């Protein structure tokens, strides 16, 4: 279901006012648990948001901000599924022995 996949999206603008005018009232966008605006060396301000493509399309249709660039970085749902495949399903603590590895045992 590609419409339900969540995407990581970068919003880029030259001023805080441009970002605010685009995000004002955009309650259906997820800014993460600690939203932060980063200033790039070029002077651009960048904020990451998470949304489905239909949410982003509705927001683009309803709002426009001159000088604001919207870039889809990745499909976060697919990336999450790929990372989950890397995690084992076995309980490595079930034998009641400390797992071996490179750590220092004291």
PDB file of N, CA and C in Angstrom:
ATOM      1  N   UNK A   1       0.832  -1.192   0.000  1.00  0.00           N
ATOM      2  CA  UNK A   1       0.000   0.000   0.000  1.00  0.00           C
ATOM      3  C   UNK A   1       0.873   1.251   0.000  1.00  0.00           C
ATOM      4  N   UNK A   2       1.325   1.665  -1.153  1.00  0.00           N
ATOM      5  CA  UNK A   2       2.209   2.823  -1.237  1.00  0.00           C
ATOM      6  C   UNK A   2       1.595   4.109  -0.690  1.00  0.00           C
ATOM      7  N   UNK A   3       0.258   4.249  -0.758  1.00  0.00           N
ATOM      8  CA  UNK A   3      -0.371   5.468  -0.241  1.00  0.00           C
ATOM      9  C   UNK A   3      -0.244   5.577   1.273  1.00  0.00           C
ATOM     10  N   UNK A   4      -0.079   4.453   1.949  1.00  0.00           N
ATOM     11  CA  UNK A   4       0.021   4.478   3.407  1.00  0.00           C
ATOM     12  C   UNK A   4       1.462   4.538   3.888  1.00  0.00           C
ATOM     13  N   UNK A   5       2.425   4.382   2.982  1.00  0.00           N
ATOM     14  CA  UNK A   5       3.830   4.465   3.368  1.00  0.00           C
ATOM     15  C   UNK A   5       4.160   5.881   3.819  1.00  0.00           C
ATOM     16  N   UNK A   6       4.958   5.966   4.866  1.00  0.00           N
ATOM     17  CA  UNK A   6       5.393   7.258   5.405  1.00  0.00           C
ATOM     18  C   UNK A   6       6.735   7.606   4.769  1.00  0.00           C
ATOM     19  N   UNK A   7       6.866   8.848   4.334  1.00  0.00           N
ATOM     20  CA  UNK A   7       8.085   9.315   3.681  1.00  0.00           C
ATOM     21  C   UNK A   7       8.765  10.376   4.532  1.00  0.00           C
ATOM     22  N   UNK A   8      10.106  10.374   4.470  1.00  0.00           N
ATOM     23  CA  UNK A   8      10.881  11.443   5.115  1.00  0.00           C
ATOM     24  C   UNK A   8      11.062  12.533   4.077  1.00  0.00           C
ATOM     25  N   UNK A   9      10.679  13.739   4.439  1.00  0.00           N
ATOM     26  CA  UNK A   9      10.632  14.858   3.508  1.00  0.00           C
ATOM     27  C   UNK A   9      11.427  16.027   4.082  1.00  0.00           C
ATOM     28  N   UNK A  10      12.220  16.678   3.247  1.00  0.00           N
ATOM     29  CA  UNK A  10      12.948  17.878   3.657  1.00  0.00           C
ATOM     30  C   UNK A  10      12.251  19.109   3.104  1.00  0.00           C
ATOM     31  N   UNK A  11      12.029  20.065   3.969  1.00  0.00           N
ATOM     32  CA  UNK A  11      11.524  21.372   3.554  1.00  0.00           C
ATOM     33  C   UNK A  11      12.684  22.354   3.666  1.00  0.00           C
ATOM     34  N   UNK A  12      12.961  23.071   2.592  1.00  0.00           N
ATOM     35  CA  UNK A  12      14.075  24.028   2.569  1.00  0.00           C
ATOM     36  C   UNK A  12      13.539  25.412   2.239  1.00  0.00           C
ATOM     37  N   UNK A  13      14.009  26.393   3.003  1.00  0.00           N
ATOM     38  CA  UNK A  13      13.594  27.776   2.774  1.00  0.00           C
ATOM     39  C   UNK A  13      14.732  28.704   3.177  1.00  0.00           C
ATOM     40  N   UNK A  14      14.635  29.954   2.725  1.00  0.00           N
ATOM     41  CA  UNK A  14      15.649  30.946   3.063  1.00  0.00           C
ATOM     42  C   UNK A  14      15.353  31.630   4.393  1.00  0.00           C
ATOM     43  N   UNK A  15      14.072  31.699   4.766  1.00  0.00           N
ATOM     44  CA  UNK A  15      13.709  32.396   6.002  1.00  0.00           C
ATOM     45  C   UNK A  15      12.777  31.528   6.847  1.00  0.00           C
ATOM     46  N   UNK A  16      12.743  31.830   8.112  1.00  0.00           N
ATOM     47  CA  UNK A  16      11.846  31.143   9.039  1.00  0.00           C
ATOM     48  C   UNK A  16      10.396  31.443   8.681  1.00  0.00           C
ATOM     49  N   UNK A  17      10.120  32.636   8.217  1.00  0.00           N
ATOM     50  CA  UNK A  17       8.750  33.010   7.850  1.00  0.00           C
ATOM     51  C   UNK A  17       8.216  32.136   6.720  1.00  0.00           C
ATOM     52  N   UNK A  18       9.071  31.804   5.752  1.00  0.00           N
ATOM     53  CA  UNK A  18       8.647  30.928   4.659  1.00  0.00           C
ATOM     54  C   UNK A  18       8.285  29.539   5.180  1.00  0.00           C
ATOM     55  N   UNK A  19       9.104  29.020   6.093  1.00  0.00           N
ATOM     56  CA  UNK A  19       8.793  27.720   6.689  1.00  0.00           C
ATOM     57  C   UNK A  19       7.490  27.781   7.473  1.00  0.00           C
ATOM     58  N   UNK A  20       7.337  28.815   8.278  1.00  0.00           N
ATOM     59  CA  UNK A  20       6.127  28.951   9.090  1.00  0.00           C
ATOM     60  C   UNK A  20       4.876  29.063   8.230  1.00  0.00           C
ATOM     61  N   UNK A  21       4.952  29.836   7.156  1.00  0.00           N
ATOM     62  CA  UNK A  21       3.769  30.021   6.319  1.00  0.00           C
ATOM     63  C   UNK A  21       3.343  28.706   5.672  1.00  0.00           C
ATOM     64  N   UNK A  22       4.307  27.834   5.371  1.00  0.00           N
ATOM     65  CA  UNK A  22       3.959  26.542   4.787  1.00  0.00           C
ATOM     66  C   UNK A  22       3.441  25.567   5.841  1.00  0.00           C
ATOM     67  N   UNK A  23       4.062  25.573   7.022  1.00  0.00           N
ATOM     68  CA  UNK A  23       3.713  24.602   8.066  1.00  0.00           C
ATOM     69  C   UNK A  23       2.535  25.035   8.932  1.00  0.00           C
ATOM     70  N   UNK A  24       2.179  26.315   8.906  1.00  0.00           N
ATOM     71  CA  UNK A  24       1.095  26.805   9.749  1.00  0.00           C
ATOM     72  C   UNK A  24      -0.205  26.082   9.407  1.00  0.00           C
ATOM     73  N   UNK A  25      -0.744  25.391  10.370  1.00  0.00           N
ATOM     74  CA  UNK A  25      -1.989  24.671  10.170  1.00  0.00           C
ATOM     75  C   UNK A  25      -1.817  23.301   9.547  1.00  0.00           C
ATOM     76  N   UNK A  26      -0.591  22.867   9.342  1.00  0.00           N
ATOM     77  CA  UNK A  26      -0.340  21.543   8.763  1.00  0.00           C
ATOM     78  C   UNK A  26      -0.242  20.511   9.878  1.00  0.00           C
ATOM     79  N   UNK A  27      -1.350  20.280  10.541  1.00  0.00           N
ATOM     80  CA  UNK A  27      -1.361  19.402  11.708  1.00  0.00           C
ATOM     81  C   UNK A  27      -1.140  17.944  11.360  1.00  0.00           C
ATOM     82  N   UNK A  28      -1.382  17.560  10.096  1.00  0.00           N
ATOM     83  CA  UNK A  28      -1.233  16.149   9.758  1.00  0.00           C
ATOM     84  C   UNK A  28       0.198  15.759   9.396  1.00  0.00           C
ATOM     85  N   UNK A  29       1.132  16.714   9.368  1.00  0.00           N
ATOM     86  CA  UNK A  29       2.539  16.391   9.162  1.00  0.00           C
ATOM     87  C   UNK A  29       3.176  16.051  10.496  1.00  0.00           C
ATOM     88  N   UNK A  30       4.055  15.065  10.490  1.00  0.00           N
ATOM     89  CA  UNK A  30       4.756  14.651  11.700  1.00  0.00           C
ATOM     90  C   UNK A  30       6.143  15.283  11.685  1.00  0.00           C
ATOM     91  N   UNK A  31       6.416  16.124  12.660  1.00  0.00           N
ATOM     92  CA  UNK A  31       7.723  16.780  12.768  1.00  0.00           C
ATOM     93  C   UNK A  31       8.695  15.985  13.635  1.00  0.00           C
ATOM     94  N   UNK A  32       8.297  14.797  14.059  1.00  0.00           N
ATOM     95  CA  UNK A  32       9.153  14.000  14.927  1.00  0.00           C
ATOM     96  C   UNK A  32       9.019  14.443  16.366  1.00  0.00           C
ATOM     97  N   UNK A  33       9.711  13.745  17.248  1.00  0.00           N
ATOM     98  CA  UNK A  33       9.561  14.056  18.671  1.00  0.00           C
ATOM     99  C   UNK A  33      10.329  15.313  19.076  1.00  0.00           C
ATOM    100  N   UNK A  34      11.360  15.676  18.318  1.00  0.00           N
ATOM    101  CA  UNK A  34      12.147  16.877  18.636  1.00  0.00           C
ATOM    102  C   UNK A  34      12.427  17.642  17.352  1.00  0.00           C
ATOM    103  N   UNK A  35      11.440  18.377  16.870  1.00  0.00           N
ATOM    104  CA  UNK A  35      11.655  19.088  15.608  1.00  0.00           C
ATOM    105  C   UNK A  35      12.763  20.132  15.739  1.00  0.00           C
ATOM    106  N   UNK A  36      13.569  20.201  14.722  1.00  0.00           N
ATOM    107  CA  UNK A  36      14.672  21.164  14.726  1.00  0.00           C
ATOM    108  C   UNK A  36      14.886  21.687  13.320  1.00  0.00           C
ATOM    109  N   UNK A  37      15.181  22.957  13.246  1.00  0.00           N
ATOM    110  CA  UNK A  37      15.521  23.581  11.972  1.00  0.00           C
ATOM    111  C   UNK A  37      17.034  23.694  11.927  1.00  0.00           C
ATOM    112  N   UNK A  38      17.626  23.185  10.844  1.00  0.00           N
ATOM    113  CA  UNK A  38      19.082  23.253  10.672  1.00  0.00           C
ATOM    114  C   UNK A  38      19.416  24.302   9.623  1.00  0.00           C
ATOM    115  N   UNK A  39      20.460  25.062   9.894  1.00  0.00           N
ATOM    116  CA  UNK A  39      20.937  26.033   8.893  1.00  0.00           C
ATOM    117  C   UNK A  39      22.092  25.387   8.138  1.00  0.00           C
ATOM    118  N   UNK A  40      21.957  25.344   6.830  1.00  0.00           N
ATOM    119  CA  UNK A  40      22.992  24.783   5.962  1.00  0.00           C
ATOM    120  C   UNK A  40      24.075  25.827   5.712  1.00  0.00           C
ATOM    121  N   UNK A  41      25.278  25.399   5.293  1.00  0.00           N
ATOM    122  CA  UNK A  41      26.332  26.374   4.974  1.00  0.00           C
ATOM    123  C   UNK A  41      25.897  27.384   3.914  1.00  0.00           C
ATOM    124  N   UNK A  42      24.968  26.987   3.053  1.00  0.00           N
ATOM    125  CA  UNK A  42      24.482  27.903   2.015  1.00  0.00           C
ATOM    126  C   UNK A  42      23.542  28.969   2.586  1.00  0.00           C
ATOM    127  N   UNK A  43      23.149  28.807   3.850  1.00  0.00           N
ATOM    128  CA  UNK A  43      22.229  29.754   4.478  1.00  0.00           C
ATOM    129  C   UNK A  43      20.791  29.263   4.495  1.00  0.00           C
ATOM    130  N   UNK A  44      20.512  28.196   3.761  1.00  0.00           N
ATOM    131  CA  UNK A  44      19.156  27.650   3.738  1.00  0.00           C
ATOM    132  C   UNK A  44      18.794  27.046   5.086  1.00  0.00           C
ATOM    133  N   UNK A  45      17.515  27.121   5.412  1.00  0.00           N
ATOM    134  CA  UNK A  45      16.984  26.476   6.608  1.00  0.00           C
ATOM    135  C   UNK A  45      16.305  25.185   6.182  1.00  0.00           C
ATOM    136  N   UNK A  46      16.578  24.093   6.896  1.00  0.00           N
ATOM    137  CA  UNK A  46      16.045  22.778   6.534  1.00  0.00           C
ATOM    138  C   UNK A  46      15.352  22.176   7.751  1.00  0.00           C
ATOM    139  N   UNK A  47      14.151  21.647   7.522  1.00  0.00           N
ATOM    140  CA  UNK A  47      13.431  20.906   8.555  1.00  0.00           C
ATOM    141  C   UNK A  47      12.926  19.621   7.924  1.00  0.00           C
ATOM    142  N   UNK A  48      12.968  18.519   8.690  1.00  0.00           N
ATOM    143  CA  UNK A  48      12.471  17.238   8.202  1.00  0.00           C
ATOM    144  C   UNK A  48      11.079  16.997   8.750  1.00  0.00           C
ATOM    145  N   UNK A  49      10.217  16.482   7.889  1.00  0.00           N
ATOM    146  CA  UNK A  49       8.865  16.101   8.301  1.00  0.00           C
ATOM    147  C   UNK A  49       8.591  14.704   7.765  1.00  0.00           C
ATOM    148  N   UNK A  50       7.617  14.048   8.364  1.00  0.00           N
ATOM    149  CA  UNK A  50       7.202  12.717   7.931  1.00  0.00           C
ATOM    150  C   UNK A  50       5.730  12.776   7.557  1.00  0.00           C
ATOM    151  N   UNK A  51       5.401  12.223   6.387  1.00  0.00           N
ATOM    152  CA  UNK A  51       4.016  12.243   5.922  1.00  0.00           C
ATOM    153  C   UNK A  51       3.839  11.210   4.821  1.00  0.00           C
ATOM    154  N   UNK A  52       2.586  10.851   4.584  1.00  0.00           N
ATOM    155  CA  UNK A  52       2.274  10.003   3.439  1.00  0.00           C
ATOM    156  C   UNK A  52       2.222  10.907   2.209  1.00  0.00           C
ATOM    157  N   UNK A  53       2.299  10.314   1.048  1.00  0.00           N
ATOM    158  CA  UNK A  53       2.250  11.115  -0.183  1.00  0.00           C
ATOM    159  C   UNK A  53       0.900  11.820  -0.349  1.00  0.00           C
ATOM    160  N   UNK A  54      -0.240  11.171  -0.034  1.00  0.00           N
ATOM    161  CA  UNK A  54      -1.503  11.921  -0.123  1.00  0.00           C
ATOM    162  C   UNK A  54      -1.551  13.133   0.816  1.00  0.00           C
ATOM    163  N   UNK A  55      -0.979  12.999   2.013  1.00  0.00           N
ATOM    164  CA  UNK A  55      -0.928  14.148   2.933  1.00  0.00           C
ATOM    165  C   UNK A  55      -0.098  15.266   2.320  1.00  0.00           C
ATOM    166  N   UNK A  56       1.037  14.917   1.752  1.00  0.00           N
ATOM    167  CA  UNK A  56       1.907  15.930   1.154  1.00  0.00           C
ATOM    168  C   UNK A  56       1.240  16.583  -0.047  1.00  0.00           C
ATOM    169  N   UNK A  57       0.569  15.792  -0.870  1.00  0.00           N
ATOM    170  CA  UNK A  57      -0.126  16.354  -2.035  1.00  0.00           C
ATOM    171  C   UNK A  57      -1.221  17.329  -1.615  1.00  0.00           C
ATOM    172  N   UNK A  58      -1.977  16.966  -0.562  1.00  0.00           N
ATOM    173  CA  UNK A  58      -3.024  17.882  -0.057  1.00  0.00           C
ATOM    174  C   UNK A  58      -2.412  19.175   0.456  1.00  0.00           C
ATOM    175  N   UNK A  59      -1.300  19.068   1.157  1.00  0.00           N
ATOM    176  CA  UNK A  59      -0.646  20.260   1.695  1.00  0.00           C
ATOM    177  C   UNK A  59      -0.107  21.139   0.570  1.00  0.00           C
ATOM    178  N   UNK A  60       0.494  20.530  -0.434  1.00  0.00           N
ATOM    179  CA  UNK A  60       1.005  21.308  -1.574  1.00  0.00           C
ATOM    180  C   UNK A  60      -0.129  22.027  -2.298  1.00  0.00           C
ATOM    181  N   UNK A  61      -1.278  21.358  -2.428  1.00  0.00           N
ATOM    182  CA  UNK A  61      -2.414  21.963  -3.123  1.00  0.00           C
ATOM    183  C   UNK A  61      -3.023  23.107  -2.317  1.00  0.00           C
ATOM    184  N   UNK A  62      -3.021  22.983  -0.996  1.00  0.00           N
ATOM    185  CA  UNK A  62      -3.659  23.983  -0.144  1.00  0.00           C
ATOM    186  C   UNK A  62      -2.757  25.170   0.157  1.00  0.00           C
ATOM    187  N   UNK A  63      -1.453  24.958   0.159  1.00  0.00           N
ATOM    188  CA  UNK A  63      -0.524  26.014   0.569  1.00  0.00           C
ATOM    189  C   UNK A  63       0.584  26.164  -0.455  1.00  0.00           C
ATOM    190  N   UNK A  64       1.026  27.359  -0.575  1.00  0.00           N
ATOM    191  CA  UNK A  64       2.231  27.591  -1.372  1.00  0.00           C
ATOM    192  C   UNK A  64       3.042  28.662  -0.668  1.00  0.00           C
ATOM    193  N   UNK A  65       4.322  28.487  -0.703  1.00  0.00           N
ATOM    194  CA  UNK A  65       5.223  29.475  -0.109  1.00  0.00           C
ATOM    195  C   UNK A  65       6.339  29.713  -1.108  1.00  0.00           C
ATOM    196  N   UNK A  66       6.458  30.938  -1.584  1.00  0.00           N
ATOM    197  CA  UNK A  66       7.538  31.210  -2.536  1.00  0.00           C
ATOM    198  C   UNK A  66       8.896  30.974  -1.871  1.00  0.00           C
ATOM    199  N   UNK A  67       9.786  30.348  -2.602  1.00  0.00           N
ATOM    200  CA  UNK A  67      11.124  30.110  -2.067  1.00  0.00           C
ATOM    201  C   UNK A  67      11.242  28.847  -1.247  1.00  0.00           C
ATOM    202  N   UNK A  68      10.157  28.093  -1.091  1.00  0.00           N
ATOM    203  CA  UNK A  68      10.209  26.860  -0.310  1.00  0.00           C
ATOM    204  C   UNK A  68      10.363  25.672  -1.253  1.00  0.00           C
ATOM    205  N   UNK A  69      11.297  24.789  -0.932  1.00  0.00           N
ATOM    206  CA  UNK A  69      11.533  23.591  -1.725  1.00  0.00           C
ATOM    207  C   UNK A  69      11.144  22.369  -0.904  1.00  0.00           C
ATOM    208  N   UNK A  70      10.389  21.462  -1.521  1.00  0.00           N
ATOM    209  CA  UNK A  70       9.963  20.227  -0.872  1.00  0.00           C
ATOM    210  C   UNK A  70      10.642  19.069  -1.581  1.00  0.00           C
ATOM    211  N   UNK A  71      11.412  18.254  -0.825  1.00  0.00           N
ATOM    212  CA  UNK A  71      12.126  17.117  -1.409  1.00  0.00           C
ATOM    213  C   UNK A  71      11.816  15.860  -0.621  1.00  0.00           C
ATOM    214  N   UNK A  72      11.378  14.820  -1.318  1.00  0.00           N
ATOM    215  CA  UNK A  72      11.163  13.525  -0.670  1.00  0.00           C
ATOM    216  C   UNK A  72      12.522  12.843  -0.597  1.00  0.00           C
ATOM    217  N   UNK A  73      12.972  12.561   0.630  1.00  0.00           N
ATOM    218  CA  UNK A  73      14.294  11.986   0.850  1.00  0.00           C
ATOM    219  C   UNK A  73      14.257  10.473   0.706  1.00  0.00           C
ATOM    220  N   UNK A  74      13.295   9.844   1.374  1.00  0.00           N
ATOM    221  CA  UNK A  74      13.211   8.389   1.321  1.00  0.00           C
ATOM    222  C   UNK A  74      11.837   7.925   1.756  1.00  0.00           C
ATOM    223  N   UNK A  75      11.544   6.689   1.418  1.00  0.00           N
ATOM    224  CA  UNK A  75      10.346   6.030   1.904  1.00  0.00           C
ATOM    225  C   UNK A  75      10.737   5.421   3.255  1.00  0.00           C
ATOM    226  N   UNK A  76      10.351   6.061   4.338  1.00  0.00           N
ATOM    227  CA  UNK A  76      10.761   5.635   5.673  1.00  0.00           C
ATOM    228  C   UNK A  76      10.149   4.291   6.054  1.00  0.00           C
ATOM    229  N   UNK A  77       8.995   3.974   5.519  1.00  0.00           N
ATOM    230  CA  UNK A  77       8.369   2.683   5.807  1.00  0.00           C
ATOM    231  C   UNK A  77       9.211   1.554   5.219  1.00  0.00           C
ATOM    232  N   UNK A  78       9.643   1.684   3.975  1.00  0.00           N
ATOM    233  CA  UNK A  78      10.481   0.654   3.358  1.00  0.00           C
ATOM    234  C   UNK A  78      11.827   0.534   4.062  1.00  0.00           C
ATOM    235  N   UNK A  79      12.411   1.665   4.442  1.00  0.00           N
ATOM    236  CA  UNK A  79      13.692   1.640   5.154  1.00  0.00           C
ATOM    237  C   UNK A  79      13.537   0.927   6.486  1.00  0.00           C
ATOM    238  N   UNK A  80      12.436   1.192   7.187  1.00  0.00           N
ATOM    239  CA  UNK A  80      12.182   0.520   8.460  1.00  0.00           C
ATOM    240  C   UNK A  80      12.028  -0.980   8.297  1.00  0.00           C
ATOM    241  N   UNK A  81      11.336  -1.390   7.259  1.00  0.00           N
ATOM    242  CA  UNK A  81      11.177  -2.834   7.005  1.00  0.00           C
ATOM    243  C   UNK A  81      12.524  -3.487   6.704  1.00  0.00           C
ATOM    244  N   UNK A  82      13.373  -2.805   5.955  1.00  0.00           N
ATOM    245  CA  UNK A  82      14.697  -3.342   5.649  1.00  0.00           C
ATOM    246  C   UNK A  82      15.546  -3.463   6.914  1.00  0.00           C
ATOM    247  N   UNK A  83      15.465  -2.483   7.802  1.00  0.00           N
ATOM    248  CA  UNK A  83      16.224  -2.556   9.056  1.00  0.00           C
ATOM    249  C   UNK A  83      15.695  -3.673   9.960  1.00  0.00           C
ATOM    250  N   UNK A  84      14.382  -3.898   9.968  1.00  0.00           N
ATOM    251  CA  UNK A  84      13.802  -4.972  10.777  1.00  0.00           C
ATOM    252  C   UNK A  84      14.287  -6.336  10.306  1.00  0.00           C
ATOM    253  N   UNK A  85      14.536  -6.483   9.019  1.00  0.00           N
ATOM    254  CA  UNK A  85      15.024  -7.753   8.485  1.00  0.00           C
ATOM    255  C   UNK A  85      16.439  -8.059   8.973  1.00  0.00           C
ATOM    256  N   UNK A  86      17.179  -7.037   9.413  1.00  0.00           N
ATOM    257  CA  UNK A  86      18.539  -7.225   9.899  1.00  0.00           C
ATOM    258  C   UNK A  86      18.586  -7.687  11.353  1.00  0.00           C
ATOM    259  N   UNK A  87      17.458  -7.608  12.037  1.00  0.00           N
ATOM    260  CA  UNK A  87      17.409  -7.940  13.462  1.00  0.00           C
ATOM    261  C   UNK A  87      17.022  -9.399  13.623  1.00  0.00           C
ATOM    262  N   UNK A  88      17.751 -10.111  14.478  1.00  0.00           N
ATOM    263  CA  UNK A  88      17.452 -11.515  14.715  1.00  0.00           C
ATOM    264  C   UNK A  88      16.173 -11.697  15.515  1.00  0.00           C
ATOM    265  N   UNK A  89      15.575 -12.873  15.376  1.00  0.00           N
ATOM    266  CA  UNK A  89      14.330 -13.156  16.105  1.00  0.00           C
ATOM    267  C   UNK A  89      14.574 -14.041  17.320  1.00  0.00           C
ATOM    268  N   UNK A  90      15.790 -14.503  17.497  1.00  0.00           N
ATOM    269  CA  UNK A  90      16.123 -15.391  18.610  1.00  0.00           C
ATOM    270  C   UNK A  90      16.391 -14.572  19.868  1.00  0.00           C
ATOM    271  N   UNK A  91      16.059 -15.115  21.021  1.00  0.00           N
ATOM    272  CA  UNK A  91      16.342 -14.471  22.302  1.00  0.00           C
ATOM    273  C   UNK A  91      17.751 -14.869  22.725  1.00  0.00           C
ATOM    274  N   UNK A  92      18.700 -13.990  22.551  1.00  0.00           N
ATOM    275  CA  UNK A  92      20.090 -14.337  22.857  1.00  0.00           C
ATOM    276  C   UNK A  92      20.389 -14.382  24.345  1.00  0.00           C
ATOM    277  N   UNK A  93      19.432 -14.022  25.180  1.00  0.00           N
ATOM    278  CA  UNK A  93      19.630 -14.086  26.632  1.00  0.00           C
ATOM    279  C   UNK A  93      18.931 -15.293  27.250  1.00  0.00           C
ATOM    280  N   UNK A  94      18.306 -16.134  26.449  1.00  0.00           N
ATOM    281  CA  UNK A  94      17.552 -17.260  26.983  1.00  0.00           C
ATOM    282  C   UNK A  94      18.445 -18.307  27.649  1.00  0.00           C
ATOM    283  N   UNK A  95      19.703 -18.402  27.267  1.00  0.00           N
ATOM    284  CA  UNK A  95      20.610 -19.394  27.860  1.00  0.00           C
ATOM    285  C   UNK A  95      21.129 -18.937  29.225  1.00  0.00           C
ATOM    286  N   UNK A  96      20.804 -17.720  29.632  1.00  0.00           N
ATOM    287  CA  UNK A  96      21.215 -17.134  30.919  1.00  0.00           C
ATOM    288  C   UNK A  96      22.721 -16.933  31.006  1.00  0.00           C
ATOM    289  N   UNK A  97      23.414 -16.909  29.866  1.00  0.00           N
ATOM    290  CA  UNK A  97      24.830 -16.585  29.818  1.00  0.00           C
ATOM    291  C   UNK A  97      24.993 -15.279  29.061  1.00  0.00           C
ATOM    292  N   UNK A  98      25.994 -14.531  29.473  1.00  0.00           N
ATOM    293  CA  UNK A  98      26.255 -13.261  28.783  1.00  0.00           C
ATOM    294  C   UNK A  98      26.723 -13.552  27.362  1.00  0.00           C
ATOM    295  N   UNK A  99      26.204 -12.825  26.415  1.00  0.00           N
ATOM    296  CA  UNK A  99      26.630 -13.029  25.028  1.00  0.00           C
ATOM    297  C   UNK A  99      28.125 -12.713  24.888  1.00  0.00           C
ATOM    298  N   UNK A 100      28.797 -13.443  24.027  1.00  0.00           N
ATOM    299  CA  UNK A 100      30.221 -13.162  23.801  1.00  0.00           C
ATOM    300  C   UNK A 100      30.339 -12.058  22.762  1.00  0.00           C
ATOM    301  N   UNK A 101      31.424 -11.345  22.850  1.00  0.00           N
ATOM    302  CA  UNK A 101      31.636 -10.255  21.914  1.00  0.00           C
ATOM    303  C   UNK A 101      32.905  -9.523  22.234  1.00  0.00           C
ATOM    304  N   UNK A 102      32.991  -8.284  21.783  1.00  0.00           N
ATOM    305  CA  UNK A 102      34.209  -7.497  21.951  1.00  0.00           C
ATOM    306  C   UNK A 102      34.202  -6.653  23.217  1.00  0.00           C
ATOM    307  N   UNK A 103      33.137  -6.673  23.966  1.00  0.00           N
ATOM    308  CA  UNK A 103      33.049  -5.850  25.169  1.00  0.00           C
ATOM    309  C   UNK A 103      33.986  -6.313  26.270  1.00  0.00           C
ATOM    310  N   UNK A 104      34.230  -5.436  27.225  1.00  0.00           N
ATOM    311  CA  UNK A 104      35.078  -5.765  28.379  1.00  0.00           C
ATOM    312  C   UNK A 104      34.187  -6.308  29.483  1.00  0.00           C
ATOM    313  N   UNK A 105      34.512  -7.517  29.957  1.00  0.00           N
ATOM    314  CA  UNK A 105      33.736  -8.127  31.029  1.00  0.00           C
ATOM    315  C   UNK A 105      34.434  -7.843  32.361  1.00  0.00           C
ATOM    316  N   UNK A 106      33.698  -7.285  33.279  1.00  0.00           N
ATOM    317  CA  UNK A 106      34.293  -6.957  34.584  1.00  0.00           C
ATOM    318  C   UNK A 106      33.616  -7.748  35.666  1.00  0.00           C
TER     319      UNK A 106
END
